[in-house]
Amino acid sequence: MMANSTLVTEFLLEVFSETWELRILLSVLFLLVYLGSLLGNLTIIIAITLDQTLNTPMYFFLRNLSILDMCYISITVPSTCVNSLIDHRNISLGGCAAQIFFFLFCACVETLFLAIMAQDRYVAICKPLLYPVIINHQFCIQMTLASLLSSLVLASVHTFKTFQLSFCHSNVVPQFFCDMPALLRLSCSDTFNNKLLILLTDIGLSGSCFVFIAISYIRILSTVLKIPIKGERGKAFSTCVPHIVVVSVFLISAAYMYLRPPVVTFEVVQEMTISVFYAMIPPFLNPIIYSLRNKQIKEAVRKVTLQVFFIFEYKRNTYLSWYSRGKELIK
């Protein structure tokens, strides 16, 4: 059992705004972002699962990323929007611990998946002859399991260390969800070890993955520049640059919040705005940037849509036929 000497039994989360009209507007906006993320990611999952031509390592990771993004954005956005609308700010100690654990777990897995996908693209473009040898089914399974297990360990350690602290300064969390940096500022215990652990995790995981991703895309771009066809070069640039931008927004905003020195302080609204960039934006943009701009994914989505339409029409016509026969029998 956790050796928790906390003096509080629940926390109070911040709402988007004290103004009711603005709170409704932001809640509806974020709910639309959430529903858009669910729709985009679910479409990709269904399309890749049903289309056998997409049974390749690249789409294996894209499907896993979509599943992860649905979980990642569901940890914070729905409860936050509902709580903001009904003005319910309370969250129990256990609920807060669970939210931190699952949020950290998904964020770590997301970071690792993005690095693996960058490696996949690098090998496919720069070393195409070795692609079937390096990026095979065994590699996919091993990398997925390694990402999940390492993220599970990191999330467990951070959550455990956070809730060993005493919280006696205040129980008002300056965030719209339970975020670890915000909780550390409420503690009246020594948080040096926690901050050191965050630093080591950010350097070891986020920093190394960011460098790895950057190097992979730099090598991809340098290879693409050697292609004599200008149209192909432009296509490669239009693909790589959005990937780098999304990864940068996700990792840099998260690193800034988690590694920010104590002397740098923000208003609550500014803190919540920055957290949106690593809690909501990546799961919303990933399906657009990584998948829905892909021709094969578009074709798969089109096929699935047509299949659903034909099945619906068939069921509707069958029902109408049975209904007509039933009416004739009654007469």
C-alpha atoms as a PDB file:
ATOM      1  CA  MET A   1       0.000   0.000   0.000  1.00  0.00           C
ATOM      2  CA  MET A   2       1.205   3.551  -0.757  1.00  0.00           C
ATOM      3  CA  ALA A   3       2.896   5.279   2.123  1.00  0.00           C
ATOM      4  CA  ASN A   4       0.845   8.411   1.610  1.00  0.00           C
ATOM      5  CA  SER A   5       0.863  11.033   4.306  1.00  0.00           C
ATOM      6  CA  THR A   6      -1.371  13.432   2.412  1.00  0.00           C
ATOM      7  CA  LEU A   7      -3.639  15.660   4.459  1.00  0.00           C
ATOM      8  CA  VAL A   8      -6.270  16.049   1.752  1.00  0.00           C
ATOM      9  CA  THR A   9      -8.753  13.481   0.473  1.00  0.00           C
ATOM     10  CA  GLU A  10      -9.751  15.219  -2.747  1.00  0.00           C
ATOM     11  CA  PHE A  11      -8.601  17.938  -5.139  1.00  0.00           C
ATOM     12  CA  LEU A  12     -10.402  20.782  -6.858  1.00  0.00           C
ATOM     13  CA  LEU A  13      -9.662  21.234 -10.565  1.00  0.00           C
ATOM     14  CA  GLU A  14      -9.810  24.522 -12.425  1.00  0.00           C
ATOM     15  CA  VAL A  15     -12.539  25.178 -14.988  1.00  0.00           C
ATOM     16  CA  PHE A  16     -11.902  26.692 -18.428  1.00  0.00           C
ATOM     17  CA  SER A  17     -13.268  30.077 -17.428  1.00  0.00           C
ATOM     18  CA  GLU A  18     -15.214  31.737 -14.632  1.00  0.00           C
ATOM     19  CA  THR A  19     -17.442  33.325 -17.285  1.00  0.00           C
ATOM     20  CA  TRP A  20     -20.333  30.970 -17.976  1.00  0.00           C
ATOM     21  CA  GLU A  21     -20.704  31.883 -21.670  1.00  0.00           C
ATOM     22  CA  LEU A  22     -16.985  31.390 -22.385  1.00  0.00           C
ATOM     23  CA  ARG A  23     -17.004  28.148 -20.422  1.00  0.00           C
ATOM     24  CA  ILE A  24     -19.824  26.788 -22.602  1.00  0.00           C
ATOM     25  CA  LEU A  25     -18.017  27.894 -25.767  1.00  0.00           C
ATOM     26  CA  LEU A  26     -14.725  26.241 -24.784  1.00  0.00           C
ATOM     27  CA  SER A  27     -16.432  23.086 -23.549  1.00  0.00           C
ATOM     28  CA  VAL A  28     -18.320  22.684 -26.827  1.00  0.00           C
ATOM     29  CA  LEU A  29     -15.139  23.422 -28.805  1.00  0.00           C
ATOM     30  CA  PHE A  30     -13.119  20.815 -26.915  1.00  0.00           C
ATOM     31  CA  LEU A  31     -15.935  18.269 -27.169  1.00  0.00           C
ATOM     32  CA  LEU A  32     -15.935  18.790 -30.939  1.00  0.00           C
ATOM     33  CA  VAL A  33     -12.162  18.258 -30.965  1.00  0.00           C
ATOM     34  CA  TYR A  34     -12.677  15.092 -28.928  1.00  0.00           C
ATOM     35  CA  LEU A  35     -15.413  13.743 -31.201  1.00  0.00           C
ATOM     36  CA  GLY A  36     -13.344  14.651 -34.269  1.00  0.00           C
ATOM     37  CA  SER A  37     -10.382  12.758 -32.833  1.00  0.00           C
ATOM     38  CA  LEU A  38     -12.530   9.703 -32.052  1.00  0.00           C
ATOM     39  CA  LEU A  39     -14.109   9.731 -35.521  1.00  0.00           C
ATOM     40  CA  GLY A  40     -10.778  10.148 -37.334  1.00  0.00           C
ATOM     41  CA  ASN A  41      -8.947   7.500 -35.331  1.00  0.00           C
ATOM     42  CA  LEU A  42     -11.841   5.031 -35.387  1.00  0.00           C
ATOM     43  CA  THR A  43     -12.113   5.427 -39.181  1.00  0.00           C
ATOM     44  CA  ILE A  44      -8.426   4.584 -39.553  1.00  0.00           C
ATOM     45  CA  ILE A  45      -8.685   1.553 -37.249  1.00  0.00           C
ATOM     46  CA  ILE A  46     -11.655   0.138 -39.181  1.00  0.00           C
ATOM     47  CA  ALA A  47     -10.115   0.876 -42.593  1.00  0.00           C
ATOM     48  CA  ILE A  48      -6.763  -0.756 -41.772  1.00  0.00           C
ATOM     49  CA  THR A  49      -8.430  -3.746 -40.098  1.00  0.00           C
ATOM     50  CA  LEU A  50     -10.791  -4.488 -42.991  1.00  0.00           C
ATOM     51  CA  ASP A  51      -8.420  -3.776 -45.884  1.00  0.00           C
ATOM     52  CA  GLN A  52      -6.027  -6.718 -46.236  1.00  0.00           C
ATOM     53  CA  THR A  53      -3.714  -4.729 -48.536  1.00  0.00           C
ATOM     54  CA  LEU A  54      -2.789  -2.571 -45.518  1.00  0.00           C
ATOM     55  CA  ASN A  55      -1.489  -5.546 -43.554  1.00  0.00           C
ATOM     56  CA  THR A  56       2.056  -4.095 -43.385  1.00  0.00           C
ATOM     57  CA  PRO A  57       4.286  -2.842 -40.513  1.00  0.00           C
ATOM     58  CA  MET A  58       3.653   0.812 -41.364  1.00  0.00           C
ATOM     59  CA  TYR A  59      -0.112   0.458 -41.020  1.00  0.00           C
ATOM     60  CA  PHE A  60       0.291  -1.819 -38.017  1.00  0.00           C
ATOM     61  CA  PHE A  61       1.870   1.102 -36.151  1.00  0.00           C
ATOM     62  CA  LEU A  62      -0.637   3.604 -37.548  1.00  0.00           C
ATOM     63  CA  ARG A  63      -3.505   1.490 -36.232  1.00  0.00           C
ATOM     64  CA  ASN A  64      -1.818   1.156 -32.836  1.00  0.00           C
ATOM     65  CA  LEU A  65      -1.257   4.921 -32.744  1.00  0.00           C
ATOM     66  CA  SER A  66      -4.935   5.521 -33.499  1.00  0.00           C
ATOM     67  CA  ILE A  67      -6.025   3.147 -30.718  1.00  0.00           C
ATOM     68  CA  LEU A  68      -3.632   4.887 -28.335  1.00  0.00           C
ATOM     69  CA  ASP A  69      -4.816   8.379 -29.340  1.00  0.00           C
ATOM     70  CA  MET A  70      -8.436   7.442 -28.640  1.00  0.00           C
ATOM     71  CA  CYS A  71      -7.420   6.358 -25.139  1.00  0.00           C
ATOM     72  CA  TYR A  72      -5.085   9.333 -24.614  1.00  0.00           C
ATOM     73  CA  ILE A  73      -7.626  12.047 -25.382  1.00  0.00           C
ATOM     74  CA  SER A  74     -10.386  10.180 -23.496  1.00  0.00           C
ATOM     75  CA  ILE A  75      -8.455  10.403 -20.217  1.00  0.00           C
ATOM     76  CA  THR A  76      -8.887  14.166 -19.845  1.00  0.00           C
ATOM     77  CA  VAL A  77     -11.289  15.794 -22.310  1.00  0.00           C
ATOM     78  CA  PRO A  78     -14.732  14.198 -21.677  1.00  0.00           C
ATOM     79  CA  SER A  79     -14.646  14.498 -17.881  1.00  0.00           C
ATOM     80  CA  THR A  80     -13.136  17.983 -18.088  1.00  0.00           C
ATOM     81  CA  CYS A  81     -15.821  19.287 -20.441  1.00  0.00           C
ATOM     82  CA  VAL A  82     -18.693  17.719 -18.480  1.00  0.00           C
ATOM     83  CA  ASN A  83     -17.302  18.930 -15.140  1.00  0.00           C
ATOM     84  CA  SER A  84     -16.866  22.422 -16.551  1.00  0.00           C
ATOM     85  CA  LEU A  85     -20.458  22.528 -17.806  1.00  0.00           C
ATOM     86  CA  ILE A  86     -22.004  21.268 -14.568  1.00  0.00           C
ATOM     87  CA  ASP A  87     -19.480  23.165 -12.425  1.00  0.00           C
ATOM     88  CA  HIS A  88     -18.264  20.003 -10.696  1.00  0.00           C
ATOM     89  CA  ARG A  89     -14.590  20.505  -9.819  1.00  0.00           C
ATOM     90  CA  ASN A  90     -13.996  17.752  -7.260  1.00  0.00           C
ATOM     91  CA  ILE A  91     -11.819  14.740  -7.993  1.00  0.00           C
ATOM     92  CA  SER A  92     -10.914  12.117  -5.419  1.00  0.00           C
ATOM     93  CA  LEU A  93      -7.352  11.249  -4.490  1.00  0.00           C
ATOM     94  CA  GLY A  94      -7.704   7.861  -6.170  1.00  0.00           C
ATOM     95  CA  GLY A  95      -9.279   9.396  -9.264  1.00  0.00           C
ATOM     96  CA  CYS A  96      -6.454  11.905  -9.515  1.00  0.00           C
ATOM     97  CA  ALA A  97      -3.830   9.148  -9.166  1.00  0.00           C
ATOM     98  CA  ALA A  98      -5.561   7.083 -11.868  1.00  0.00           C
ATOM     99  CA  GLN A  99      -5.718  10.062 -14.224  1.00  0.00           C
ATOM    100  CA  ILE A 100      -2.019  10.826 -13.759  1.00  0.00           C
ATOM    101  CA  PHE A 101      -1.046   7.182 -14.263  1.00  0.00           C
ATOM    102  CA  PHE A 102      -3.024   6.645 -17.476  1.00  0.00           C
ATOM    103  CA  PHE A 103      -2.074  10.066 -18.845  1.00  0.00           C
ATOM    104  CA  LEU A 104       1.652   9.424 -18.302  1.00  0.00           C
ATOM    105  CA  PHE A 105       1.357   5.883 -19.652  1.00  0.00           C
ATOM    106  CA  CYS A 106      -0.311   7.027 -22.892  1.00  0.00           C
ATOM    107  CA  ALA A 107       2.077   9.989 -23.297  1.00  0.00           C
ATOM    108  CA  CYS A 108       5.137   7.723 -22.954  1.00  0.00           C
ATOM    109  CA  VAL A 109       3.753   5.133 -25.376  1.00  0.00           C
ATOM    110  CA  GLU A 110       2.861   7.918 -27.840  1.00  0.00           C
ATOM    111  CA  THR A 111       6.417   9.247 -27.734  1.00  0.00           C
ATOM    112  CA  LEU A 112       7.890   5.799 -28.351  1.00  0.00           C
ATOM    113  CA  PHE A 113       5.422   4.996 -31.130  1.00  0.00           C
ATOM    114  CA  LEU A 114       6.295   8.229 -32.940  1.00  0.00           C
ATOM    115  CA  ALA A 115       9.991   7.316 -32.754  1.00  0.00           C
ATOM    116  CA  ILE A 116       9.323   3.794 -34.059  1.00  0.00           C
ATOM    117  CA  MET A 117       7.228   5.168 -36.920  1.00  0.00           C
ATOM    118  CA  ALA A 118      10.041   7.573 -37.841  1.00  0.00           C
ATOM    119  CA  GLN A 119      12.409   4.594 -37.944  1.00  0.00           C
ATOM    120  CA  ASP A 120       9.935   2.718 -40.139  1.00  0.00           C
ATOM    121  CA  ARG A 121       9.777   5.600 -42.646  1.00  0.00           C
ATOM    122  CA  TYR A 122      13.570   6.014 -42.604  1.00  0.00           C
ATOM    123  CA  VAL A 123      14.220   2.368 -43.443  1.00  0.00           C
ATOM    124  CA  ALA A 124      11.438   2.312 -46.069  1.00  0.00           C
ATOM    125  CA  ILE A 125      12.808   5.367 -47.903  1.00  0.00           C
ATOM    126  CA  CYS A 126      16.544   5.231 -47.292  1.00  0.00           C
ATOM    127  CA  LYS A 127      17.110   1.456 -47.163  1.00  0.00           C
ATOM    128  CA  PRO A 128      14.197  -0.073 -49.085  1.00  0.00           C
ATOM    129  CA  LEU A 129      16.011  -3.332 -49.884  1.00  0.00           C
ATOM    130  CA  LEU A 130      16.578  -4.005 -46.179  1.00  0.00           C
ATOM    131  CA  TYR A 131      13.030  -3.031 -45.153  1.00  0.00           C
ATOM    132  CA  PRO A 132      11.544  -6.579 -45.130  1.00  0.00           C
ATOM    133  CA  VAL A 133      14.534  -7.797 -43.113  1.00  0.00           C
ATOM    134  CA  ILE A 134      14.610  -5.013 -40.497  1.00  0.00           C
ATOM    135  CA  ILE A 135      10.934  -4.035 -40.179  1.00  0.00           C
ATOM    136  CA  ASN A 136       9.239  -7.418 -39.988  1.00  0.00           C
ATOM    137  CA  HIS A 137       6.370  -8.851 -37.936  1.00  0.00           C
ATOM    138  CA  GLN A 138       8.689  -9.850 -35.089  1.00  0.00           C
ATOM    139  CA  PHE A 139      10.123  -6.313 -34.949  1.00  0.00           C
ATOM    140  CA  CYS A 140       6.610  -4.831 -34.764  1.00  0.00           C
ATOM    141  CA  ILE A 141       5.539  -7.068 -31.885  1.00  0.00           C
ATOM    142  CA  GLN A 142       8.801  -6.586 -29.959  1.00  0.00           C
ATOM    143  CA  MET A 143       8.753  -2.789 -30.305  1.00  0.00           C
ATOM    144  CA  THR A 144       5.088  -2.587 -29.299  1.00  0.00           C
ATOM    145  CA  LEU A 145       5.590  -4.733 -26.205  1.00  0.00           C
ATOM    146  CA  ALA A 146       8.776  -2.861 -25.248  1.00  0.00           C
ATOM    147  CA  SER A 147       6.938   0.476 -25.559  1.00  0.00           C
ATOM    148  CA  LEU A 148       4.018  -0.713 -23.447  1.00  0.00           C
ATOM    149  CA  LEU A 149       6.144  -2.301 -20.717  1.00  0.00           C
ATOM    150  CA  SER A 150       8.634   0.576 -20.384  1.00  0.00           C
ATOM    151  CA  SER A 151       5.781   3.110 -20.305  1.00  0.00           C
ATOM    152  CA  LEU A 152       3.973   1.018 -17.680  1.00  0.00           C
ATOM    153  CA  VAL A 153       7.071   1.084 -15.466  1.00  0.00           C
ATOM    154  CA  LEU A 154       7.659   4.827 -15.907  1.00  0.00           C
ATOM    155  CA  ALA A 155       4.016   5.749 -15.272  1.00  0.00           C
ATOM    156  CA  SER A 156       3.870   3.500 -12.195  1.00  0.00           C
ATOM    157  CA  VAL A 157       7.064   4.938 -10.688  1.00  0.00           C
ATOM    158  CA  HIS A 158       6.040   8.569 -11.280  1.00  0.00           C
ATOM    159  CA  THR A 159       2.544   8.029  -9.880  1.00  0.00           C
ATOM    160  CA  PHE A 160       3.847   6.168  -6.847  1.00  0.00           C
ATOM    161  CA  LYS A 161       6.456   8.852  -6.085  1.00  0.00           C
ATOM    162  CA  THR A 162       3.922  11.666  -6.548  1.00  0.00           C
ATOM    163  CA  PHE A 163       1.383  10.231  -4.112  1.00  0.00           C
ATOM    164  CA  GLN A 164       4.000   9.537  -1.457  1.00  0.00           C
ATOM    165  CA  LEU A 165       4.132  13.311  -0.995  1.00  0.00           C
ATOM    166  CA  SER A 166       2.126  15.316   1.531  1.00  0.00           C
ATOM    167  CA  PHE A 167      -0.346  17.853   0.119  1.00  0.00           C
ATOM    168  CA  CYS A 168      -1.132  20.452   2.749  1.00  0.00           C
ATOM    169  CA  HIS A 169      -0.636  23.831   1.029  1.00  0.00           C
ATOM    170  CA  SER A 170      -3.854  23.722  -0.959  1.00  0.00           C
ATOM    171  CA  ASN A 171      -6.093  21.226  -2.707  1.00  0.00           C
ATOM    172  CA  VAL A 172      -6.808  23.457  -5.728  1.00  0.00           C
ATOM    173  CA  VAL A 173      -4.952  22.059  -8.757  1.00  0.00           C
ATOM    174  CA  PRO A 174      -4.079  24.886 -11.204  1.00  0.00           C
ATOM    175  CA  GLN A 175      -5.052  22.727 -14.191  1.00  0.00           C
ATOM    176  CA  PHE A 176      -8.201  21.354 -15.823  1.00  0.00           C
ATOM    177  CA  PHE A 177      -6.969  17.800 -15.135  1.00  0.00           C
ATOM    178  CA  CYS A 178      -4.619  16.123 -12.680  1.00  0.00           C
ATOM    179  CA  ASP A 179      -1.212  16.897 -14.152  1.00  0.00           C
ATOM    180  CA  MET A 180       1.911  15.929 -12.240  1.00  0.00           C
ATOM    181  CA  PRO A 181       3.763  19.307 -12.321  1.00  0.00           C
ATOM    182  CA  ALA A 182       0.672  21.074 -10.976  1.00  0.00           C
ATOM    183  CA  LEU A 183       0.398  18.585  -8.099  1.00  0.00           C
ATOM    184  CA  LEU A 184       4.076  18.904  -7.180  1.00  0.00           C
ATOM    185  CA  ARG A 185       3.590  22.632  -6.592  1.00  0.00           C
ATOM    186  CA  LEU A 186       0.881  21.840  -4.024  1.00  0.00           C
ATOM    187  CA  SER A 187       3.117  19.585  -1.957  1.00  0.00           C
ATOM    188  CA  CYS A 188       4.663  20.616   1.330  1.00  0.00           C
ATOM    189  CA  SER A 189       7.191  17.738   1.086  1.00  0.00           C
ATOM    190  CA  ASP A 190      10.600  17.828  -0.526  1.00  0.00           C
ATOM    191  CA  THR A 191      10.004  17.277  -4.262  1.00  0.00           C
ATOM    192  CA  PHE A 192      13.679  17.173  -5.326  1.00  0.00           C
ATOM    193  CA  ASN A 193      13.614  13.433  -6.100  1.00  0.00           C
ATOM    194  CA  ASN A 194      10.380  13.793  -8.066  1.00  0.00           C
ATOM    195  CA  LYS A 195      11.783  16.635 -10.160  1.00  0.00           C
ATOM    196  CA  LEU A 196      15.013  14.731 -10.707  1.00  0.00           C
ATOM    197  CA  LEU A 197      13.013  11.727 -11.895  1.00  0.00           C
ATOM    198  CA  ILE A 198      11.039  13.945 -14.286  1.00  0.00           C
ATOM    199  CA  LEU A 199      14.287  15.420 -15.629  1.00  0.00           C
ATOM    200  CA  LEU A 200      15.834  11.988 -16.193  1.00  0.00           C
ATOM    201  CA  THR A 201      12.658  10.713 -17.874  1.00  0.00           C
ATOM    202  CA  ASP A 202      12.428  13.738 -20.154  1.00  0.00           C
ATOM    203  CA  ILE A 203      16.076  13.500 -21.156  1.00  0.00           C
ATOM    204  CA  GLY A 204      16.113   9.710 -21.431  1.00  0.00           C
ATOM    205  CA  LEU A 205      12.753   9.261 -23.157  1.00  0.00           C
ATOM    206  CA  SER A 206      11.408  12.479 -24.665  1.00  0.00           C
ATOM    207  CA  GLY A 207      14.795  14.022 -25.479  1.00  0.00           C
ATOM    208  CA  SER A 208      16.298  10.901 -27.026  1.00  0.00           C
ATOM    209  CA  CYS A 209      13.126  10.147 -29.015  1.00  0.00           C
ATOM    210  CA  PHE A 210      12.958  13.735 -30.287  1.00  0.00           C
ATOM    211  CA  VAL A 211      16.601  13.625 -31.428  1.00  0.00           C
ATOM    212  CA  PHE A 212      16.054  10.196 -32.991  1.00  0.00           C
ATOM    213  CA  ILE A 213      12.946  11.417 -34.850  1.00  0.00           C
ATOM    214  CA  ALA A 214      14.713  14.588 -36.026  1.00  0.00           C
ATOM    215  CA  ILE A 215      17.740  12.648 -37.310  1.00  0.00           C
ATOM    216  CA  SER A 216      15.482  10.119 -39.076  1.00  0.00           C
ATOM    217  CA  TYR A 217      13.567  12.832 -40.921  1.00  0.00           C
ATOM    218  CA  ILE A 218      16.737  14.776 -41.747  1.00  0.00           C
ATOM    219  CA  ARG A 219      18.140  11.626 -43.355  1.00  0.00           C
ATOM    220  CA  ILE A 220      14.858  11.065 -45.169  1.00  0.00           C
ATOM    221  CA  LEU A 221      14.882  14.621 -46.521  1.00  0.00           C
ATOM    222  CA  SER A 222      18.540  14.356 -47.561  1.00  0.00           C
ATOM    223  CA  THR A 223      17.703  11.169 -49.467  1.00  0.00           C
ATOM    224  CA  VAL A 224      14.644  12.762 -51.051  1.00  0.00           C
ATOM    225  CA  LEU A 225      16.679  15.778 -52.219  1.00  0.00           C
ATOM    226  CA  LYS A 226      18.661  13.413 -54.433  1.00  0.00           C
ATOM    227  CA  ILE A 227      15.493  12.440 -56.313  1.00  0.00           C
ATOM    228  CA  PRO A 228      15.570  14.183 -59.727  1.00  0.00           C
ATOM    229  CA  ILE A 229      11.769  14.460 -60.004  1.00  0.00           C
ATOM    230  CA  LYS A 230      10.625  17.737 -58.409  1.00  0.00           C
ATOM    231  CA  GLY A 231       7.073  16.526 -57.831  1.00  0.00           C
ATOM    232  CA  GLU A 232       8.286  13.609 -55.736  1.00  0.00           C
ATOM    233  CA  ARG A 233      10.503  15.909 -53.692  1.00  0.00           C
ATOM    234  CA  GLY A 234       7.606  18.238 -52.993  1.00  0.00           C
ATOM    235  CA  LYS A 235       5.414  15.305 -51.989  1.00  0.00           C
ATOM    236  CA  ALA A 236       8.064  14.042 -49.561  1.00  0.00           C
ATOM    237  CA  PHE A 237       8.510  17.511 -48.026  1.00  0.00           C
ATOM    238  CA  SER A 238       4.743  17.941 -47.613  1.00  0.00           C
ATOM    239  CA  THR A 239       4.695  14.610 -45.766  1.00  0.00           C
ATOM    240  CA  CYS A 240       7.764  14.986 -43.533  1.00  0.00           C
ATOM    241  CA  VAL A 241       7.352  18.604 -42.430  1.00  0.00           C
ATOM    242  CA  PRO A 242       3.866  18.154 -40.849  1.00  0.00           C
ATOM    243  CA  HIS A 243       5.162  15.055 -39.019  1.00  0.00           C
ATOM    244  CA  ILE A 244       8.050  17.064 -37.543  1.00  0.00           C
ATOM    245  CA  VAL A 245       5.740  19.960 -36.585  1.00  0.00           C
ATOM    246  CA  VAL A 246       3.243  17.707 -34.741  1.00  0.00           C
ATOM    247  CA  VAL A 247       6.015  15.853 -32.887  1.00  0.00           C
ATOM    248  CA  SER A 248       7.687  19.150 -31.949  1.00  0.00           C
ATOM    249  CA  VAL A 249       4.456  20.679 -30.624  1.00  0.00           C
ATOM    250  CA  PHE A 250       3.754  17.578 -28.543  1.00  0.00           C
ATOM    251  CA  LEU A 251       7.224  17.061 -27.036  1.00  0.00           C
ATOM    252  CA  ILE A 252       8.349  20.683 -26.643  1.00  0.00           C
ATOM    253  CA  SER A 253       5.122  21.865 -24.959  1.00  0.00           C
ATOM    254  CA  ALA A 254       5.172  18.858 -22.594  1.00  0.00           C
ATOM    255  CA  ALA A 255       8.877  19.313 -21.811  1.00  0.00           C
ATOM    256  CA  TYR A 256       8.333  23.019 -21.138  1.00  0.00           C
ATOM    257  CA  MET A 257       5.579  22.324 -18.612  1.00  0.00           C
ATOM    258  CA  TYR A 258       7.373  19.429 -16.907  1.00  0.00           C
ATOM    259  CA  LEU A 259      10.880  20.962 -16.827  1.00  0.00           C
ATOM    260  CA  ARG A 260       9.905  24.568 -16.180  1.00  0.00           C
ATOM    261  CA  PRO A 261      12.009  26.097 -13.369  1.00  0.00           C
ATOM    262  CA  PRO A 262      10.097  27.260 -10.265  1.00  0.00           C
ATOM    263  CA  VAL A 263      10.977  30.910 -10.934  1.00  0.00           C
ATOM    264  CA  VAL A 264       8.979  30.827 -14.178  1.00  0.00           C
ATOM    265  CA  THR A 265       5.309  31.191 -13.267  1.00  0.00           C
ATOM    266  CA  PHE A 266       2.172  31.497 -15.384  1.00  0.00           C
ATOM    267  CA  GLU A 267      -1.408  32.467 -14.898  1.00  0.00           C
ATOM    268  CA  VAL A 268      -3.742  29.470 -14.628  1.00  0.00           C
ATOM    269  CA  VAL A 269      -5.236  30.238 -18.051  1.00  0.00           C
ATOM    270  CA  GLN A 270      -1.757  30.236 -19.629  1.00  0.00           C
ATOM    271  CA  GLU A 271      -0.913  26.898 -18.004  1.00  0.00           C
ATOM    272  CA  MET A 272      -4.126  25.326 -19.262  1.00  0.00           C
ATOM    273  CA  THR A 273      -3.495  26.712 -22.758  1.00  0.00           C
ATOM    274  CA  ILE A 274      -0.019  25.168 -22.927  1.00  0.00           C
ATOM    275  CA  SER A 275      -1.303  21.820 -21.662  1.00  0.00           C
ATOM    276  CA  VAL A 276      -3.841  21.728 -24.511  1.00  0.00           C
ATOM    277  CA  PHE A 277      -0.896  21.434 -26.931  1.00  0.00           C
ATOM    278  CA  TYR A 278       0.246  18.109 -25.482  1.00  0.00           C
ATOM    279  CA  ALA A 279      -3.049  16.752 -24.096  1.00  0.00           C
ATOM    280  CA  MET A 280      -5.502  17.449 -26.955  1.00  0.00           C
ATOM    281  CA  ILE A 281      -3.797  18.606 -30.146  1.00  0.00           C
ATOM    282  CA  PRO A 282      -1.679  15.478 -30.969  1.00  0.00           C
ATOM    283  CA  PRO A 283      -4.574  12.948 -30.774  1.00  0.00           C
ATOM    284  CA  PHE A 284      -6.653  15.284 -32.944  1.00  0.00           C
ATOM    285  CA  LEU A 285      -3.994  15.988 -35.590  1.00  0.00           C
ATOM    286  CA  ASN A 286      -2.311  12.571 -35.772  1.00  0.00           C
ATOM    287  CA  PRO A 287      -5.048  10.895 -37.859  1.00  0.00           C
ATOM    288  CA  ILE A 288      -4.992  13.831 -40.283  1.00  0.00           C
ATOM    289  CA  ILE A 289      -1.216  14.158 -40.539  1.00  0.00           C
ATOM    290  CA  TYR A 290      -0.200  10.500 -40.483  1.00  0.00           C
ATOM    291  CA  SER A 291      -3.107   8.729 -42.135  1.00  0.00           C
ATOM    292  CA  LEU A 292      -5.899  10.677 -43.804  1.00  0.00           C
ATOM    293  CA  ARG A 293      -3.395  12.394 -46.138  1.00  0.00           C
ATOM    294  CA  ASN A 294      -2.244   8.940 -47.239  1.00  0.00           C
ATOM    295  CA  LYS A 295      -3.670   7.749 -50.601  1.00  0.00           C
ATOM    296  CA  GLN A 296      -3.911   4.110 -49.525  1.00  0.00           C
ATOM    297  CA  ILE A 297      -5.754   5.061 -46.338  1.00  0.00           C
ATOM    298  CA  LYS A 298      -8.109   7.295 -48.316  1.00  0.00           C
ATOM    299  CA  GLU A 299      -8.850   4.437 -50.704  1.00  0.00           C
ATOM    300  CA  ALA A 300      -9.405   2.041 -47.800  1.00  0.00           C
ATOM    301  CA  VAL A 301     -11.777   4.523 -46.126  1.00  0.00           C
ATOM    302  CA  ARG A 302     -13.669   4.905 -49.409  1.00  0.00           C
ATOM    303  CA  LYS A 303     -14.024   1.110 -49.728  1.00  0.00           C
ATOM    304  CA  VAL A 304     -15.239   0.765 -46.138  1.00  0.00           C
ATOM    305  CA  THR A 305     -17.728   3.612 -46.614  1.00  0.00           C
ATOM    306  CA  LEU A 306     -19.115   1.957 -49.751  1.00  0.00           C
ATOM    307  CA  GLN A 307     -19.344  -1.404 -47.959  1.00  0.00           C
ATOM    308  CA  VAL A 308     -21.252   0.153 -45.063  1.00  0.00           C
ATOM    309  CA  PHE A 309     -23.557   1.980 -47.503  1.00  0.00           C
ATOM    310  CA  PHE A 310     -24.321  -1.196 -49.497  1.00  0.00           C
ATOM    311  CA  ILE A 311     -24.915  -3.217 -46.327  1.00  0.00           C
ATOM    312  CA  PHE A 312     -27.249  -0.507 -45.028  1.00  0.00           C
ATOM    313  CA  GLU A 313     -29.133  -0.409 -48.348  1.00  0.00           C
ATOM    314  CA  TYR A 314     -29.393  -4.186 -48.427  1.00  0.00           C
ATOM    315  CA  LYS A 315     -30.760  -4.329 -44.861  1.00  0.00           C
ATOM    316  CA  ARG A 316     -33.185  -1.481 -45.597  1.00  0.00           C
ATOM    317  CA  ASN A 317     -34.474  -3.106 -48.783  1.00  0.00           C
ATOM    318  CA  THR A 318     -34.794  -6.477 -47.033  1.00  0.00           C
ATOM    319  CA  TYR A 319     -36.781  -4.858 -44.229  1.00  0.00           C
ATOM    320  CA  LEU A 320     -39.045  -3.024 -46.684  1.00  0.00           C
ATOM    321  CA  SER A 321     -39.609  -6.259 -48.617  1.00  0.00           C
ATOM    322  CA  TRP A 322     -40.581  -8.138 -45.444  1.00  0.00           C
ATOM    323  CA  TYR A 323     -42.803  -5.239 -44.384  1.00  0.00           C
ATOM    324  CA  SER A 324     -44.615  -5.226 -47.759  1.00  0.00           C
ATOM    325  CA  ARG A 325     -45.136  -9.001 -47.642  1.00  0.00           C
ATOM    326  CA  GLY A 326     -46.488  -8.715 -44.122  1.00  0.00           C
ATOM    327  CA  LYS A 327     -49.018  -6.091 -45.173  1.00  0.00           C
ATOM    328  CA  GLU A 328     -50.140  -8.236 -48.112  1.00  0.00           C
ATOM    329  CA  LEU A 329     -50.645 -11.261 -45.845  1.00  0.00           C
ATOM    330  CA  ILE A 330     -52.719  -9.177 -43.441  1.00  0.00           C
ATOM    331  CA  LYS A 331     -54.935  -8.002 -46.285  1.00  0.00           C
END
